[in-house]
């Protein structure tokens, strides 16, 4: 398939690696003068990870990956559009108004937006029925999940096309029943991070211990299965129903005591100060390499078990 990939930042470049690995022709638009070199570096770095994950060896067909400073040429003959521009509504409206001038009316446009709602993005489009959110988690070439979210004007048939497209990329696809800011996964992430910030800001725990509580405690279980299954196993022989009956009140007590911090100057200063103490001299690129290798090993193991 001919894919127009609009925006080649952290998410867009990772999408490019995944889609190229699965044989699609990728036309990349990004106005940055370093976009081509940066994207090629990401693809080159991601390729061995993709080969390891999929247990196959494939050459990079660079001739199938083209770079453009013109939206018109990037969208020429496009059969699919993955939009990855900054998460600002005015930016989305502007870029989509231009993109639609260069596409057939039925070509799907998927947005990687982290938090914006599709109805708000599609409202000024010529053909809003073709638009939907297809939100990945970083890095898209490794993390399996893609969230599909329809706007008020989205044609449901486009979501069916999208499910097939992303599942062909090896993705696990979930579909939101309603629009909400942050969709599904990032609302869960936001709830968890809010309490992580609260515990630090109130002096209940250090950043290091909060991170360890998750990575060495709740994290391994959550990586294996979701919270509903976890509590099903916590309910004994009667499972989830027993958990809700007997331990539901304890959950409600914890809910009632959860914090609602704000990222004001004081809180941000404390977080940054504690972070530097907890993780001195941790370079993002080194951490990213360690993370990706751990993710690879975990995902290969996880593929043997499905709940």
C-alpha atoms as a PDB file:
ATOM      1  CA  UNK A   1       0.000   0.000   0.000  1.00  0.00           C
ATOM      2  CA  UNK A   2       1.134   3.577  -0.668  1.00  0.00           C
ATOM      3  CA  UNK A   3       1.204   5.391   2.689  1.00  0.00           C
ATOM      4  CA  UNK A   4       1.588   9.134   3.167  1.00  0.00           C
ATOM      5  CA  UNK A   5       3.194   9.701   6.534  1.00  0.00           C
ATOM      6  CA  UNK A   6       2.713  13.307   7.625  1.00  0.00           C
ATOM      7  CA  UNK A   7       5.162  14.356  10.331  1.00  0.00           C
ATOM      8  CA  UNK A   8       8.335  12.391  11.064  1.00  0.00           C
ATOM      9  CA  UNK A   9       9.101  13.154  14.667  1.00  0.00           C
ATOM     10  CA  UNK A  10       9.481  10.526  17.375  1.00  0.00           C
ATOM     11  CA  UNK A  11       6.159   8.829  16.555  1.00  0.00           C
ATOM     12  CA  UNK A  12       6.170   9.331  12.793  1.00  0.00           C
ATOM     13  CA  UNK A  13       9.673   7.933  12.301  1.00  0.00           C
ATOM     14  CA  UNK A  14       8.806   4.866  14.369  1.00  0.00           C
ATOM     15  CA  UNK A  15       5.631   4.353  12.308  1.00  0.00           C
ATOM     16  CA  UNK A  16       7.763   4.630   9.172  1.00  0.00           C
ATOM     17  CA  UNK A  17      10.058   1.827  10.363  1.00  0.00           C
ATOM     18  CA  UNK A  18       7.145  -0.479  11.148  1.00  0.00           C
ATOM     19  CA  UNK A  19       5.248   0.178   7.935  1.00  0.00           C
ATOM     20  CA  UNK A  20       8.364  -0.169   5.786  1.00  0.00           C
ATOM     21  CA  UNK A  21       9.217  -3.435   7.545  1.00  0.00           C
ATOM     22  CA  UNK A  22       5.802  -4.775   6.525  1.00  0.00           C
ATOM     23  CA  UNK A  23       6.354  -3.856   2.897  1.00  0.00           C
ATOM     24  CA  UNK A  24       4.428  -0.620   2.446  1.00  0.00           C
ATOM     25  CA  UNK A  25       5.679   2.209   0.248  1.00  0.00           C
ATOM     26  CA  UNK A  26       6.155   5.219   2.529  1.00  0.00           C
ATOM     27  CA  UNK A  27       6.119   8.857   1.392  1.00  0.00           C
ATOM     28  CA  UNK A  28       7.187  11.040   4.308  1.00  0.00           C
ATOM     29  CA  UNK A  29       6.414  14.740   4.658  1.00  0.00           C
ATOM     30  CA  UNK A  30       8.185  16.827   7.280  1.00  0.00           C
ATOM     31  CA  UNK A  31       9.393  20.421   6.830  1.00  0.00           C
ATOM     32  CA  UNK A  32      12.396  19.988   9.146  1.00  0.00           C
ATOM     33  CA  UNK A  33      15.721  20.203   7.269  1.00  0.00           C
ATOM     34  CA  UNK A  34      17.023  17.260   9.306  1.00  0.00           C
ATOM     35  CA  UNK A  35      13.906  15.096   8.923  1.00  0.00           C
ATOM     36  CA  UNK A  36      15.355  12.755   6.302  1.00  0.00           C
ATOM     37  CA  UNK A  37      18.574  12.036   8.192  1.00  0.00           C
ATOM     38  CA  UNK A  38      16.767  11.743  11.523  1.00  0.00           C
ATOM     39  CA  UNK A  39      14.149   9.362  10.140  1.00  0.00           C
ATOM     40  CA  UNK A  40      16.716   7.194   8.390  1.00  0.00           C
ATOM     41  CA  UNK A  41      18.615   6.896  11.662  1.00  0.00           C
ATOM     42  CA  UNK A  42      15.461   5.784  13.476  1.00  0.00           C
ATOM     43  CA  UNK A  43      14.647   3.210  10.789  1.00  0.00           C
ATOM     44  CA  UNK A  44      18.215   1.890  10.769  1.00  0.00           C
ATOM     45  CA  UNK A  45      18.148   1.565  14.557  1.00  0.00           C
ATOM     46  CA  UNK A  46      14.664   0.016  14.718  1.00  0.00           C
ATOM     47  CA  UNK A  47      15.214  -2.556  11.960  1.00  0.00           C
ATOM     48  CA  UNK A  48      17.250  -5.114  13.985  1.00  0.00           C
ATOM     49  CA  UNK A  49      14.650  -4.885  16.765  1.00  0.00           C
ATOM     50  CA  UNK A  50      11.852  -5.589  14.294  1.00  0.00           C
ATOM     51  CA  UNK A  51      13.775  -8.533  12.859  1.00  0.00           C
ATOM     52  CA  UNK A  52      14.269  -9.936  16.349  1.00  0.00           C
ATOM     53  CA  UNK A  53      10.640  -9.394  17.301  1.00  0.00           C
ATOM     54  CA  UNK A  54       9.284 -11.009  14.134  1.00  0.00           C
ATOM     55  CA  UNK A  55      12.039 -13.634  13.960  1.00  0.00           C
ATOM     56  CA  UNK A  56      12.864 -12.893  10.347  1.00  0.00           C
ATOM     57  CA  UNK A  57      15.565 -11.116   8.375  1.00  0.00           C
ATOM     58  CA  UNK A  58      14.604  -8.508   5.810  1.00  0.00           C
ATOM     59  CA  UNK A  59      16.581  -5.916   3.868  1.00  0.00           C
ATOM     60  CA  UNK A  60      15.631  -2.255   4.124  1.00  0.00           C
ATOM     61  CA  UNK A  61      14.263  -1.225   0.738  1.00  0.00           C
ATOM     62  CA  UNK A  62      15.237   2.428   0.875  1.00  0.00           C
ATOM     63  CA  UNK A  63      13.832   2.956  -2.604  1.00  0.00           C
ATOM     64  CA  UNK A  64      10.357   2.364  -1.111  1.00  0.00           C
ATOM     65  CA  UNK A  65      10.856   5.166   1.448  1.00  0.00           C
ATOM     66  CA  UNK A  66      10.778   8.679   0.003  1.00  0.00           C
ATOM     67  CA  UNK A  67      11.066  12.080   1.653  1.00  0.00           C
ATOM     68  CA  UNK A  68       9.176  15.204   0.644  1.00  0.00           C
ATOM     69  CA  UNK A  69       9.015  18.864   1.565  1.00  0.00           C
ATOM     70  CA  UNK A  70       5.777  19.197  -0.400  1.00  0.00           C
ATOM     71  CA  UNK A  71       2.487  17.828   0.906  1.00  0.00           C
ATOM     72  CA  UNK A  72       1.246  17.427  -2.645  1.00  0.00           C
ATOM     73  CA  UNK A  73       4.032  15.076  -3.690  1.00  0.00           C
ATOM     74  CA  UNK A  74       3.876  13.140  -0.400  1.00  0.00           C
ATOM     75  CA  UNK A  75       0.155  12.539  -0.879  1.00  0.00           C
ATOM     76  CA  UNK A  76       0.419  11.604  -4.554  1.00  0.00           C
ATOM     77  CA  UNK A  77      -1.255   8.206  -5.108  1.00  0.00           C
ATOM     78  CA  UNK A  78      -1.665   7.746  -1.327  1.00  0.00           C
ATOM     79  CA  UNK A  79      -3.974   4.943  -0.245  1.00  0.00           C
ATOM     80  CA  UNK A  80      -3.545   5.601   3.466  1.00  0.00           C
ATOM     81  CA  UNK A  81      -2.530   8.664   5.493  1.00  0.00           C
ATOM     82  CA  UNK A  82      -0.972   8.537   8.972  1.00  0.00           C
ATOM     83  CA  UNK A  83      -0.874  12.062  10.414  1.00  0.00           C
ATOM     84  CA  UNK A  84       1.633  12.716  13.225  1.00  0.00           C
ATOM     85  CA  UNK A  85       1.784  16.503  13.510  1.00  0.00           C
ATOM     86  CA  UNK A  86       1.991  18.374  16.860  1.00  0.00           C
ATOM     87  CA  UNK A  87      -0.962  17.849  19.181  1.00  0.00           C
ATOM     88  CA  UNK A  88      -2.507  21.270  18.676  1.00  0.00           C
ATOM     89  CA  UNK A  89      -5.948  21.621  17.171  1.00  0.00           C
ATOM     90  CA  UNK A  90      -5.084  24.594  14.955  1.00  0.00           C
ATOM     91  CA  UNK A  91      -2.132  22.662  13.506  1.00  0.00           C
ATOM     92  CA  UNK A  92      -4.310  19.634  12.737  1.00  0.00           C
ATOM     93  CA  UNK A  93      -6.975  21.800  11.076  1.00  0.00           C
ATOM     94  CA  UNK A  94      -4.427  23.544   8.874  1.00  0.00           C
ATOM     95  CA  UNK A  95      -2.590  20.417   7.758  1.00  0.00           C
ATOM     96  CA  UNK A  96      -5.790  18.475   7.068  1.00  0.00           C
ATOM     97  CA  UNK A  97      -7.255  21.302   5.009  1.00  0.00           C
ATOM     98  CA  UNK A  98      -4.158  21.089   2.804  1.00  0.00           C
ATOM     99  CA  UNK A  99      -3.943  17.297   2.703  1.00  0.00           C
ATOM    100  CA  UNK A 100      -7.519  16.921   1.475  1.00  0.00           C
ATOM    101  CA  UNK A 101      -6.697  18.915  -1.641  1.00  0.00           C
ATOM    102  CA  UNK A 102      -4.317  16.164  -2.766  1.00  0.00           C
ATOM    103  CA  UNK A 103      -6.252  12.978  -1.914  1.00  0.00           C
ATOM    104  CA  UNK A 104      -9.105  10.990  -3.335  1.00  0.00           C
ATOM    105  CA  UNK A 105     -12.252  11.527  -1.252  1.00  0.00           C
ATOM    106  CA  UNK A 106     -12.250   7.965   0.096  1.00  0.00           C
ATOM    107  CA  UNK A 107      -8.611   7.731   1.278  1.00  0.00           C
ATOM    108  CA  UNK A 108      -8.550   7.118   5.064  1.00  0.00           C
ATOM    109  CA  UNK A 109      -6.806   9.690   7.251  1.00  0.00           C
ATOM    110  CA  UNK A 110      -5.651   8.355  10.608  1.00  0.00           C
ATOM    111  CA  UNK A 111      -4.312  10.658  13.311  1.00  0.00           C
ATOM    112  CA  UNK A 112      -1.781   9.626  15.936  1.00  0.00           C
ATOM    113  CA  UNK A 113      -3.078  12.324  18.306  1.00  0.00           C
ATOM    114  CA  UNK A 114      -2.358  11.611  21.953  1.00  0.00           C
ATOM    115  CA  UNK A 115      -5.237  13.502  23.525  1.00  0.00           C
ATOM    116  CA  UNK A 116      -7.346  15.460  21.030  1.00  0.00           C
ATOM    117  CA  UNK A 117     -10.822  14.178  20.226  1.00  0.00           C
ATOM    118  CA  UNK A 118     -11.565  13.215  16.629  1.00  0.00           C
ATOM    119  CA  UNK A 119     -14.824  15.188  16.431  1.00  0.00           C
ATOM    120  CA  UNK A 120     -12.913  18.371  17.175  1.00  0.00           C
ATOM    121  CA  UNK A 121     -10.236  17.587  14.586  1.00  0.00           C
ATOM    122  CA  UNK A 122     -12.575  16.548  11.754  1.00  0.00           C
ATOM    123  CA  UNK A 123     -15.170  19.320  12.085  1.00  0.00           C
ATOM    124  CA  UNK A 124     -13.782  21.534   9.272  1.00  0.00           C
ATOM    125  CA  UNK A 125     -12.893  18.738   6.845  1.00  0.00           C
ATOM    126  CA  UNK A 126     -14.329  18.367   3.362  1.00  0.00           C
ATOM    127  CA  UNK A 127     -14.726  14.616   3.927  1.00  0.00           C
ATOM    128  CA  UNK A 128     -14.831  14.115   7.712  1.00  0.00           C
ATOM    129  CA  UNK A 129     -16.248  10.613   7.322  1.00  0.00           C
ATOM    130  CA  UNK A 130     -12.791   9.306   6.320  1.00  0.00           C
ATOM    131  CA  UNK A 131     -11.074  10.615   9.479  1.00  0.00           C
ATOM    132  CA  UNK A 132     -10.434   8.779  12.767  1.00  0.00           C
ATOM    133  CA  UNK A 133      -7.838   8.505  15.504  1.00  0.00           C
ATOM    134  CA  UNK A 134      -5.328   5.648  15.393  1.00  0.00           C
ATOM    135  CA  UNK A 135      -3.225   6.336  18.462  1.00  0.00           C
ATOM    136  CA  UNK A 136      -0.109   4.231  19.096  1.00  0.00           C
ATOM    137  CA  UNK A 137       2.022   4.083  22.207  1.00  0.00           C
ATOM    138  CA  UNK A 138       5.673   5.043  22.033  1.00  0.00           C
ATOM    139  CA  UNK A 139       7.575   3.486  20.347  1.00  0.00           C
ATOM    140  CA  UNK A 140       4.971   2.406  17.758  1.00  0.00           C
ATOM    141  CA  UNK A 141       7.294  -0.075  16.057  1.00  0.00           C
ATOM    142  CA  UNK A 142       7.477  -2.121  19.281  1.00  0.00           C
ATOM    143  CA  UNK A 143       4.460  -1.451  21.533  1.00  0.00           C
ATOM    144  CA  UNK A 144       1.595  -3.573  20.156  1.00  0.00           C
ATOM    145  CA  UNK A 145      -1.390  -1.372  21.024  1.00  0.00           C
ATOM    146  CA  UNK A 146      -3.291   0.916  18.659  1.00  0.00           C
ATOM    147  CA  UNK A 147      -6.418   2.712  19.866  1.00  0.00           C
ATOM    148  CA  UNK A 148      -9.081   3.500  17.270  1.00  0.00           C
ATOM    149  CA  UNK A 149     -11.487   6.328  18.055  1.00  0.00           C
ATOM    150  CA  UNK A 150     -14.255   7.517  15.745  1.00  0.00           C
ATOM    151  CA  UNK A 151     -15.483  11.081  15.629  1.00  0.00           C
ATOM    152  CA  UNK A 152     -19.134  12.080  15.368  1.00  0.00           C
ATOM    153  CA  UNK A 153     -18.836  12.197  11.560  1.00  0.00           C
ATOM    154  CA  UNK A 154     -16.639   9.123  11.029  1.00  0.00           C
ATOM    155  CA  UNK A 155     -17.918   6.362   8.770  1.00  0.00           C
ATOM    156  CA  UNK A 156     -17.824   3.158  10.843  1.00  0.00           C
ATOM    157  CA  UNK A 157     -16.636   1.278   7.776  1.00  0.00           C
ATOM    158  CA  UNK A 158     -13.372   3.199   8.016  1.00  0.00           C
ATOM    159  CA  UNK A 159     -12.764   1.714  11.468  1.00  0.00           C
ATOM    160  CA  UNK A 160     -13.165  -1.771   9.987  1.00  0.00           C
ATOM    161  CA  UNK A 161     -10.609  -0.891   7.313  1.00  0.00           C
ATOM    162  CA  UNK A 162      -8.334   0.473  10.015  1.00  0.00           C
ATOM    163  CA  UNK A 163      -8.564  -2.644  12.164  1.00  0.00           C
ATOM    164  CA  UNK A 164      -7.513  -4.769   9.208  1.00  0.00           C
ATOM    165  CA  UNK A 165      -4.687  -2.375   8.272  1.00  0.00           C
ATOM    166  CA  UNK A 166      -3.145  -2.206  11.754  1.00  0.00           C
ATOM    167  CA  UNK A 167      -3.640  -5.884  12.547  1.00  0.00           C
ATOM    168  CA  UNK A 168      -1.713  -6.616   9.340  1.00  0.00           C
ATOM    169  CA  UNK A 169       1.125  -4.623  10.939  1.00  0.00           C
ATOM    170  CA  UNK A 170       0.992  -7.007  13.908  1.00  0.00           C
ATOM    171  CA  UNK A 171      -0.867  -4.551  16.129  1.00  0.00           C
ATOM    172  CA  UNK A 172      -3.320  -5.261  18.916  1.00  0.00           C
ATOM    173  CA  UNK A 173      -6.301  -3.039  18.092  1.00  0.00           C
ATOM    174  CA  UNK A 174      -8.838  -1.696  20.585  1.00  0.00           C
ATOM    175  CA  UNK A 175     -11.818   0.532  19.732  1.00  0.00           C
ATOM    176  CA  UNK A 176     -13.160   3.224  22.054  1.00  0.00           C
ATOM    177  CA  UNK A 177     -16.945   3.227  22.373  1.00  0.00           C
ATOM    178  CA  UNK A 178     -16.978   6.957  23.164  1.00  0.00           C
ATOM    179  CA  UNK A 179     -14.639   9.903  22.681  1.00  0.00           C
ATOM    180  CA  UNK A 180     -12.763  11.213  25.690  1.00  0.00           C
ATOM    181  CA  UNK A 181      -9.652  13.362  26.067  1.00  0.00           C
ATOM    182  CA  UNK A 182      -6.652  11.013  26.113  1.00  0.00           C
ATOM    183  CA  UNK A 183      -8.660   8.072  24.701  1.00  0.00           C
ATOM    184  CA  UNK A 184      -8.156   4.918  26.832  1.00  0.00           C
ATOM    185  CA  UNK A 185      -4.505   4.081  27.450  1.00  0.00           C
ATOM    186  CA  UNK A 186      -3.361   7.609  28.227  1.00  0.00           C
ATOM    187  CA  UNK A 187      -6.262   8.156  30.626  1.00  0.00           C
ATOM    188  CA  UNK A 188      -5.029   5.112  32.525  1.00  0.00           C
ATOM    189  CA  UNK A 189      -1.459   6.417  32.330  1.00  0.00           C
ATOM    190  CA  UNK A 190      -2.612   9.831  33.526  1.00  0.00           C
ATOM    191  CA  UNK A 191      -4.428   8.363  36.531  1.00  0.00           C
ATOM    192  CA  UNK A 192      -1.352   6.391  37.533  1.00  0.00           C
ATOM    193  CA  UNK A 193       1.026   9.309  37.009  1.00  0.00           C
ATOM    194  CA  UNK A 194      -1.225  11.654  38.991  1.00  0.00           C
ATOM    195  CA  UNK A 195      -0.891   9.481  42.069  1.00  0.00           C
ATOM    196  CA  UNK A 196       2.842   9.008  41.443  1.00  0.00           C
ATOM    197  CA  UNK A 197       3.248  12.803  41.485  1.00  0.00           C
ATOM    198  CA  UNK A 198       1.030  13.128  44.566  1.00  0.00           C
ATOM    199  CA  UNK A 199       3.077  10.588  46.549  1.00  0.00           C
ATOM    200  CA  UNK A 200       6.264  12.541  45.809  1.00  0.00           C
ATOM    201  CA  UNK A 201       4.795  16.029  46.285  1.00  0.00           C
ATOM    202  CA  UNK A 202       3.339  15.061  49.677  1.00  0.00           C
ATOM    203  CA  UNK A 203       6.600  13.526  50.846  1.00  0.00           C
ATOM    204  CA  UNK A 204       5.064  10.052  51.126  1.00  0.00           C
ATOM    205  CA  UNK A 205       7.726   8.410  48.966  1.00  0.00           C
ATOM    206  CA  UNK A 206      10.760   9.294  46.865  1.00  0.00           C
ATOM    207  CA  UNK A 207      10.697   9.240  43.075  1.00  0.00           C
ATOM    208  CA  UNK A 208      12.992   6.208  43.120  1.00  0.00           C
ATOM    209  CA  UNK A 209      10.715   4.242  45.441  1.00  0.00           C
ATOM    210  CA  UNK A 210       7.567   5.213  43.532  1.00  0.00           C
ATOM    211  CA  UNK A 211       9.182   3.980  40.310  1.00  0.00           C
ATOM    212  CA  UNK A 212      10.327   0.765  42.004  1.00  0.00           C
ATOM    213  CA  UNK A 213       6.856   0.183  43.464  1.00  0.00           C
ATOM    214  CA  UNK A 214       5.575   0.070  39.904  1.00  0.00           C
ATOM    215  CA  UNK A 215       8.438  -1.495  37.949  1.00  0.00           C
ATOM    216  CA  UNK A 216       9.149  -4.187  40.576  1.00  0.00           C
ATOM    217  CA  UNK A 217       5.662  -4.510  42.070  1.00  0.00           C
ATOM    218  CA  UNK A 218       2.509  -3.687  40.148  1.00  0.00           C
ATOM    219  CA  UNK A 219       4.303  -3.409  36.806  1.00  0.00           C
ATOM    220  CA  UNK A 220       5.123  -7.057  36.077  1.00  0.00           C
ATOM    221  CA  UNK A 221       1.528  -8.082  36.746  1.00  0.00           C
ATOM    222  CA  UNK A 222       0.105  -5.232  34.666  1.00  0.00           C
ATOM    223  CA  UNK A 223       2.465  -6.146  31.833  1.00  0.00           C
ATOM    224  CA  UNK A 224       1.074  -9.668  31.867  1.00  0.00           C
ATOM    225  CA  UNK A 225      -2.631  -8.830  32.180  1.00  0.00           C
ATOM    226  CA  UNK A 226      -4.993  -5.925  32.830  1.00  0.00           C
ATOM    227  CA  UNK A 227      -6.402  -4.863  36.216  1.00  0.00           C
ATOM    228  CA  UNK A 228      -9.708  -6.696  35.840  1.00  0.00           C
ATOM    229  CA  UNK A 229      -7.947 -10.022  35.295  1.00  0.00           C
ATOM    230  CA  UNK A 230      -5.492  -9.262  38.105  1.00  0.00           C
ATOM    231  CA  UNK A 231      -8.324  -8.748  40.577  1.00  0.00           C
ATOM    232  CA  UNK A 232     -10.141 -11.782  39.186  1.00  0.00           C
ATOM    233  CA  UNK A 233      -7.136 -13.837  40.303  1.00  0.00           C
ATOM    234  CA  UNK A 234      -7.192 -11.971  43.627  1.00  0.00           C
ATOM    235  CA  UNK A 235     -10.714 -13.174  44.311  1.00  0.00           C
ATOM    236  CA  UNK A 236      -9.910 -16.823  44.947  1.00  0.00           C
ATOM    237  CA  UNK A 237     -12.111 -19.581  43.547  1.00  0.00           C
ATOM    238  CA  UNK A 238     -15.058 -17.236  42.915  1.00  0.00           C
ATOM    239  CA  UNK A 239     -12.849 -14.826  41.012  1.00  0.00           C
ATOM    240  CA  UNK A 240     -13.819 -11.270  40.141  1.00  0.00           C
ATOM    241  CA  UNK A 241     -17.234 -11.355  41.832  1.00  0.00           C
ATOM    242  CA  UNK A 242     -15.645 -12.438  45.103  1.00  0.00           C
ATOM    243  CA  UNK A 243     -12.991  -9.722  44.854  1.00  0.00           C
ATOM    244  CA  UNK A 244     -15.595  -7.006  44.319  1.00  0.00           C
ATOM    245  CA  UNK A 245     -17.738  -8.305  47.203  1.00  0.00           C
ATOM    246  CA  UNK A 246     -14.964  -8.711  49.747  1.00  0.00           C
ATOM    247  CA  UNK A 247     -12.251  -6.241  48.713  1.00  0.00           C
ATOM    248  CA  UNK A 248     -14.303  -3.657  46.847  1.00  0.00           C
ATOM    249  CA  UNK A 249     -14.731  -1.535  49.995  1.00  0.00           C
ATOM    250  CA  UNK A 250     -10.954  -1.418  50.447  1.00  0.00           C
ATOM    251  CA  UNK A 251     -10.638  -0.161  46.871  1.00  0.00           C
ATOM    252  CA  UNK A 252     -13.198   2.555  47.562  1.00  0.00           C
ATOM    253  CA  UNK A 253     -11.273   3.621  50.655  1.00  0.00           C
ATOM    254  CA  UNK A 254      -8.128   4.002  48.544  1.00  0.00           C
ATOM    255  CA  UNK A 255     -10.017   5.879  45.834  1.00  0.00           C
ATOM    256  CA  UNK A 256     -11.304   8.321  48.413  1.00  0.00           C
ATOM    257  CA  UNK A 257      -7.750   9.014  49.612  1.00  0.00           C
ATOM    258  CA  UNK A 258      -6.106   9.477  46.200  1.00  0.00           C
ATOM    259  CA  UNK A 259      -4.530  12.868  45.583  1.00  0.00           C
ATOM    260  CA  UNK A 260      -5.159  15.585  43.006  1.00  0.00           C
ATOM    261  CA  UNK A 261      -1.820  17.363  42.598  1.00  0.00           C
ATOM    262  CA  UNK A 262      -1.135  20.215  40.203  1.00  0.00           C
ATOM    263  CA  UNK A 263       2.060  20.670  38.226  1.00  0.00           C
ATOM    264  CA  UNK A 264       2.736  24.111  39.664  1.00  0.00           C
ATOM    265  CA  UNK A 265       6.214  25.607  39.905  1.00  0.00           C
ATOM    266  CA  UNK A 266       6.846  24.180  43.363  1.00  0.00           C
ATOM    267  CA  UNK A 267       5.770  20.657  42.411  1.00  0.00           C
ATOM    268  CA  UNK A 268       7.780  20.674  39.171  1.00  0.00           C
ATOM    269  CA  UNK A 269      10.857  21.913  41.010  1.00  0.00           C
ATOM    270  CA  UNK A 270      10.533  19.127  43.563  1.00  0.00           C
ATOM    271  CA  UNK A 271      10.026  16.469  40.895  1.00  0.00           C
ATOM    272  CA  UNK A 272      13.030  17.612  38.875  1.00  0.00           C
ATOM    273  CA  UNK A 273      15.235  17.864  41.965  1.00  0.00           C
ATOM    274  CA  UNK A 274      14.263  14.380  43.167  1.00  0.00           C
ATOM    275  CA  UNK A 275      14.593  12.939  39.670  1.00  0.00           C
ATOM    276  CA  UNK A 276      18.174  14.175  39.418  1.00  0.00           C
ATOM    277  CA  UNK A 277      18.941  12.553  42.771  1.00  0.00           C
ATOM    278  CA  UNK A 278      17.245   9.275  41.813  1.00  0.00           C
ATOM    279  CA  UNK A 279      18.696   9.059  38.297  1.00  0.00           C
ATOM    280  CA  UNK A 280      21.983  10.985  38.064  1.00  0.00           C
ATOM    281  CA  UNK A 281      23.672  11.076  34.657  1.00  0.00           C
ATOM    282  CA  UNK A 282      21.003   8.965  32.948  1.00  0.00           C
ATOM    283  CA  UNK A 283      21.234   9.790  29.252  1.00  0.00           C
ATOM    284  CA  UNK A 284      17.908   9.372  27.367  1.00  0.00           C
ATOM    285  CA  UNK A 285      19.541   7.531  24.454  1.00  0.00           C
ATOM    286  CA  UNK A 286      21.163   4.958  26.760  1.00  0.00           C
ATOM    287  CA  UNK A 287      17.904   4.470  28.665  1.00  0.00           C
ATOM    288  CA  UNK A 288      15.990   4.152  25.390  1.00  0.00           C
ATOM    289  CA  UNK A 289      18.272   1.361  24.197  1.00  0.00           C
ATOM    290  CA  UNK A 290      17.908  -0.522  27.484  1.00  0.00           C
ATOM    291  CA  UNK A 291      14.143  -0.039  27.429  1.00  0.00           C
ATOM    292  CA  UNK A 292      13.794  -1.308  23.873  1.00  0.00           C
ATOM    293  CA  UNK A 293      15.899  -4.411  24.537  1.00  0.00           C
ATOM    294  CA  UNK A 294      13.824  -5.201  27.614  1.00  0.00           C
ATOM    295  CA  UNK A 295      10.618  -4.618  25.653  1.00  0.00           C
ATOM    296  CA  UNK A 296      11.810  -6.934  22.899  1.00  0.00           C
ATOM    297  CA  UNK A 297      12.583  -9.774  25.281  1.00  0.00           C
ATOM    298  CA  UNK A 298       9.309  -9.276  27.120  1.00  0.00           C
ATOM    299  CA  UNK A 299       7.172  -9.080  23.974  1.00  0.00           C
ATOM    300  CA  UNK A 300       8.726 -12.219  22.528  1.00  0.00           C
ATOM    301  CA  UNK A 301       7.909 -14.061  25.764  1.00  0.00           C
ATOM    302  CA  UNK A 302       4.420 -12.557  25.998  1.00  0.00           C
ATOM    303  CA  UNK A 303       3.519 -13.668  22.479  1.00  0.00           C
ATOM    304  CA  UNK A 304       3.495 -17.255  23.798  1.00  0.00           C
ATOM    305  CA  UNK A 305       0.659 -16.456  26.219  1.00  0.00           C
ATOM    306  CA  UNK A 306      -2.672 -14.813  25.458  1.00  0.00           C
ATOM    307  CA  UNK A 307      -5.335 -14.146  28.067  1.00  0.00           C
END
